[in-house]
């Protein structure tokens, strides 16, 4: 009705009438696509003769390629590992995620085994322990990743706190000791004092005798 109304409104304008006719579409009964009304007859004849709708996915496929399309997309596949028959479209998903006999690796020891045995293996393997060099404790492998993150975080926090404490610590000044007292000279005993006086007297007499002898020699 919209197309008819547009054509009626554009009846007095030839260019508008051409544009309205070009914009009009019809639905192909075979492929359900919207086709310009001016080409619907030609398209319908070609579509019914050359294309076929796939009953599995609804895609329009050339009749001569239908067998190839079915084999590539929908043919059943026999899994050589679990012997299950699956459709082609989920074959990749079955091989990578669903097949119980696909080979997978244990996340704790990396040992490869069938997926159906993985759960029981990891229950045992995950309970094994390893020694943590940071906190000096034995930790279960299933708890190792979380423990390692937390343990390293605690170690770093302790190291930072220790560094801050060391930098803030006040180093006491060295104790200044007074110099040792100067001992007064020991007083001389009587004998030592007499010996000193005697030495001085002898030295003085010797000097006087030497002076007299020297003067006499000059007078001659």
Protein backbone atom coordinates (compact mmCIF):
# COMPACT_ATOMS: atom_id res chain seq x y z
CA UNK A 1 0.00 0.00 0.00
CA UNK A 2 2.89 2.35 0.73
CA UNK A 3 4.32 1.73 -2.73
CA UNK A 4 0.89 2.27 -4.30
CA UNK A 5 0.40 5.47 -2.34
CA UNK A 6 3.82 6.69 -3.37
CA UNK A 7 3.04 5.86 -7.01
CA UNK A 8 -0.30 7.71 -6.75
CA UNK A 9 1.34 10.75 -5.22
CA UNK A 10 4.00 10.74 -7.93
CA UNK A 11 1.51 10.32 -10.75
CA UNK A 12 1.90 13.89 -11.86
CA UNK A 13 5.72 13.68 -11.74
CA UNK A 14 7.34 11.18 -14.17
CA UNK A 15 10.73 11.18 -12.38
CA UNK A 16 9.09 10.51 -9.06
CA UNK A 17 7.09 7.70 -10.61
CA UNK A 18 10.28 6.06 -11.92
CA UNK A 19 11.96 6.38 -8.52
CA UNK A 20 8.95 4.84 -6.77
CA UNK A 21 8.90 1.93 -9.20
CA UNK A 22 12.60 1.30 -8.73
CA UNK A 23 12.21 1.34 -4.94
CA UNK A 24 9.35 -1.18 -4.92
CA UNK A 25 10.36 -4.73 -3.87
CA UNK A 26 8.78 -8.17 -3.74
CA UNK A 27 9.64 -11.25 -1.66
CA UNK A 28 10.97 -14.32 -3.49
CA UNK A 29 8.85 -17.32 -2.54
CA UNK A 30 11.86 -19.64 -2.85
CA UNK A 31 14.65 -17.87 -0.93
CA UNK A 32 12.61 -15.32 1.02
CA UNK A 33 14.83 -12.44 -0.14
CA UNK A 34 13.54 -9.00 -1.01
CA UNK A 35 13.98 -8.48 -4.77
CA UNK A 36 13.16 -5.36 -6.81
CA UNK A 37 9.67 -5.86 -8.21
CA UNK A 38 10.92 -5.18 -11.70
CA UNK A 39 13.23 -8.26 -11.49
CA UNK A 40 11.12 -10.63 -9.39
CA UNK A 41 9.96 -12.86 -12.24
CA UNK A 42 13.45 -13.39 -13.66
CA UNK A 43 14.91 -13.94 -10.19
CA UNK A 44 12.23 -16.43 -9.13
CA UNK A 45 12.79 -18.59 -12.22
CA UNK A 46 16.58 -18.57 -11.74
CA UNK A 47 16.37 -19.16 -7.97
CA UNK A 48 14.04 -22.14 -8.20
CA UNK A 49 16.15 -23.73 -10.94
CA UNK A 50 19.67 -23.23 -9.47
CA UNK A 51 19.42 -22.79 -5.70
CA UNK A 52 18.34 -25.14 -2.96
CA UNK A 53 17.69 -24.44 0.69
CA UNK A 54 19.77 -26.59 3.07
CA UNK A 55 17.45 -28.40 5.44
CA UNK A 56 20.10 -28.39 8.20
CA UNK A 57 21.14 -24.73 8.34
CA UNK A 58 18.64 -22.96 6.03
CA UNK A 59 21.38 -21.56 3.80
CA UNK A 60 20.66 -21.21 0.08
CA UNK A 61 23.22 -23.34 -1.74
CA UNK A 62 23.74 -24.01 -5.43
CA UNK A 63 22.12 -27.34 -6.26
CA UNK A 64 25.30 -28.71 -7.79
CA UNK A 65 27.23 -27.89 -4.59
CA UNK A 66 24.72 -29.27 -2.10
CA UNK A 67 26.56 -32.58 -1.54
CA UNK A 68 29.83 -30.74 -0.97
CA UNK A 69 28.11 -28.34 1.42
CA UNK A 70 26.61 -31.25 3.37
CA UNK A 71 29.92 -33.12 3.63
CA UNK A 72 31.81 -30.05 4.77
CA UNK A 73 29.22 -28.70 7.19
CA UNK A 74 26.78 -31.37 8.31
CA UNK A 75 28.06 -34.88 7.60
CA UNK A 76 28.49 -36.99 10.78
CA UNK A 77 32.05 -37.62 11.93
CA UNK A 78 33.24 -40.63 13.88
CA UNK A 79 35.64 -39.59 16.66
CA UNK A 80 38.55 -42.01 16.67
CA UNK A 81 39.27 -41.34 20.36
CA UNK A 82 35.89 -41.80 22.04
CA UNK A 83 34.04 -43.47 19.12
CA UNK A 84 31.22 -40.93 19.40
CA UNK A 85 29.54 -39.74 16.19
CA UNK A 86 29.18 -35.96 16.05
CA UNK A 87 28.05 -33.55 13.37
CA UNK A 88 30.60 -31.69 11.31
CA UNK A 89 29.64 -28.26 12.62
CA UNK A 90 30.57 -29.16 16.22
CA UNK A 91 33.54 -31.36 15.31
CA UNK A 92 36.18 -28.75 16.22
CA UNK A 93 34.45 -28.04 19.55
CA UNK A 94 34.24 -31.76 20.29
CA UNK A 95 37.96 -32.29 19.61
CA UNK A 96 39.12 -29.33 21.70
CA UNK A 97 36.69 -29.29 24.63
CA UNK A 98 34.17 -32.14 24.72
CA UNK A 99 35.84 -35.43 23.86
CA UNK A 100 36.46 -37.33 27.13
CA UNK A 101 39.49 -39.07 25.63
CA UNK A 102 41.24 -35.92 24.38
CA UNK A 103 44.72 -35.48 25.81
CA UNK A 104 45.12 -32.73 28.38
CA UNK A 105 47.90 -31.71 30.78
CA UNK A 106 47.74 -31.55 34.58
CA UNK A 107 48.02 -27.95 35.71
CA UNK A 108 50.26 -28.94 38.64
CA UNK A 109 52.77 -31.36 37.10
CA UNK A 110 52.07 -30.94 33.34
CA UNK A 111 51.67 -34.72 32.96
CA UNK A 112 49.52 -35.53 29.90
CA UNK A 113 46.55 -37.89 30.27
CA UNK A 114 42.98 -38.39 28.95
CA UNK A 115 40.54 -35.70 30.04
CA UNK A 116 38.26 -38.25 31.69
CA UNK A 117 41.06 -39.05 34.19
CA UNK A 118 42.14 -35.47 34.84
CA UNK A 119 39.87 -34.68 37.80
CA UNK A 120 40.94 -37.69 39.85
CA UNK A 121 44.61 -37.11 39.01
CA UNK A 122 44.54 -33.45 40.00
CA UNK A 123 42.81 -34.21 43.31
CA UNK A 124 45.87 -36.23 44.28
CA UNK A 125 48.50 -34.13 42.52
CA UNK A 126 47.17 -30.84 43.88
CA UNK A 127 47.59 -32.06 47.46
CA UNK A 128 51.34 -32.50 47.03
CA UNK A 129 53.42 -29.83 48.78
CA UNK A 130 56.43 -27.77 47.87
CA UNK A 131 58.70 -25.69 50.08
CA UNK A 132 58.28 -21.92 49.83
CA UNK A 133 61.69 -20.24 50.00
CA UNK A 134 60.11 -16.92 51.01
CA UNK A 135 58.15 -17.91 54.12
CA UNK A 136 59.96 -21.24 54.78
CA UNK A 137 56.71 -23.23 54.82
CA UNK A 138 55.35 -26.19 52.84
CA UNK A 139 52.40 -25.23 50.62
CA UNK A 140 49.94 -27.38 48.65
CA UNK A 141 50.29 -27.10 44.90
CA UNK A 142 46.59 -26.30 44.49
CA UNK A 143 47.14 -23.28 46.78
CA UNK A 144 50.55 -22.33 45.39
CA UNK A 145 49.58 -19.50 43.03
CA UNK A 146 47.47 -17.65 45.60
CA UNK A 147 50.05 -18.27 48.32
CA UNK A 148 52.92 -17.02 46.15
CA UNK A 149 51.12 -13.76 45.38
CA UNK A 150 50.20 -13.16 49.03
CA UNK A 151 53.56 -14.30 50.38
CA UNK A 152 55.53 -12.02 48.07
CA UNK A 153 53.22 -9.12 48.91
CA UNK A 154 53.83 -9.68 52.64
CA UNK A 155 57.59 -9.98 52.10
CA UNK A 156 57.68 -6.71 50.15
CA UNK A 157 55.59 -4.96 52.81
CA UNK A 158 57.91 -6.18 55.57
CA UNK A 159 60.98 -5.09 53.62
CA UNK A 160 59.54 -1.59 53.09
CA UNK A 161 58.60 -1.29 56.77
CA UNK A 162 62.09 -2.40 57.82
CA UNK A 163 63.71 0.13 55.49
CA UNK A 164 61.54 2.94 56.85
CA UNK A 165 62.33 1.95 60.44
CA UNK A 166 66.05 1.87 59.72
CA UNK A 167 66.01 5.30 58.08
CA UNK A 168 64.04 6.79 60.99
CA UNK A 169 66.23 5.30 63.71
CA UNK A 170 68.35 7.94 65.61
CA UNK A 171 72.00 6.95 65.88
CA UNK A 172 73.33 8.13 69.30
CA UNK A 173 76.39 10.36 69.26
CA UNK A 174 79.64 8.94 70.55
CA UNK A 175 80.30 9.63 74.19
CA UNK A 176 82.89 12.37 74.66
CA UNK A 177 85.28 11.35 77.38
CA UNK A 178 87.27 14.00 79.27
CA UNK A 179 91.07 13.86 78.84
CA UNK A 180 92.94 12.03 81.58
CA UNK A 181 94.16 14.28 84.42
CA UNK A 182 97.78 15.49 84.26
CA UNK A 183 99.70 14.03 87.09
CA UNK A 184 101.96 16.49 88.99
CA UNK A 185 105.72 15.70 89.01
CA UNK A 186 106.78 13.50 91.82
CA UNK A 187 108.73 15.29 94.55
CA UNK A 188 112.39 14.38 94.76
CA UNK A 189 113.67 12.41 97.69
CA UNK A 190 116.50 13.78 99.88
CA UNK A 191 119.29 11.71 98.32
CA UNK A 192 118.25 12.68 94.80
CA UNK A 193 118.16 16.36 95.73
CA UNK A 194 121.68 16.26 97.28
CA UNK A 195 123.05 14.44 94.23
CA UNK A 196 121.64 17.14 91.96
CA UNK A 197 123.20 19.94 94.05
CA UNK A 198 126.55 18.17 94.07
CA UNK A 199 126.50 17.81 90.29
CA UNK A 200 125.72 21.51 89.88
CA UNK A 201 128.54 22.52 92.29
CA UNK A 202 131.14 20.32 90.57
CA UNK A 203 130.12 21.69 87.18
CA UNK A 204 130.42 25.28 88.43
CA UNK A 205 133.91 24.70 89.96
CA UNK A 206 135.11 23.10 86.74
CA UNK A 207 133.93 26.10 84.76
CA UNK A 208 135.68 28.54 87.14
CA UNK A 209 139.03 26.64 87.04
CA UNK A 210 138.87 26.52 83.26
CA UNK A 211 138.33 30.28 83.08
CA UNK A 212 141.32 31.02 85.38
CA UNK A 213 143.65 28.79 83.40
CA UNK A 214 142.53 30.38 80.18
CA UNK A 215 143.18 33.90 81.50
CA UNK A 216 146.72 33.00 82.70
CA UNK A 217 147.64 31.60 79.30
CA UNK A 218 146.56 34.84 77.65
CA UNK A 219 148.66 36.93 80.10
CA UNK A 220 151.90 35.10 79.15
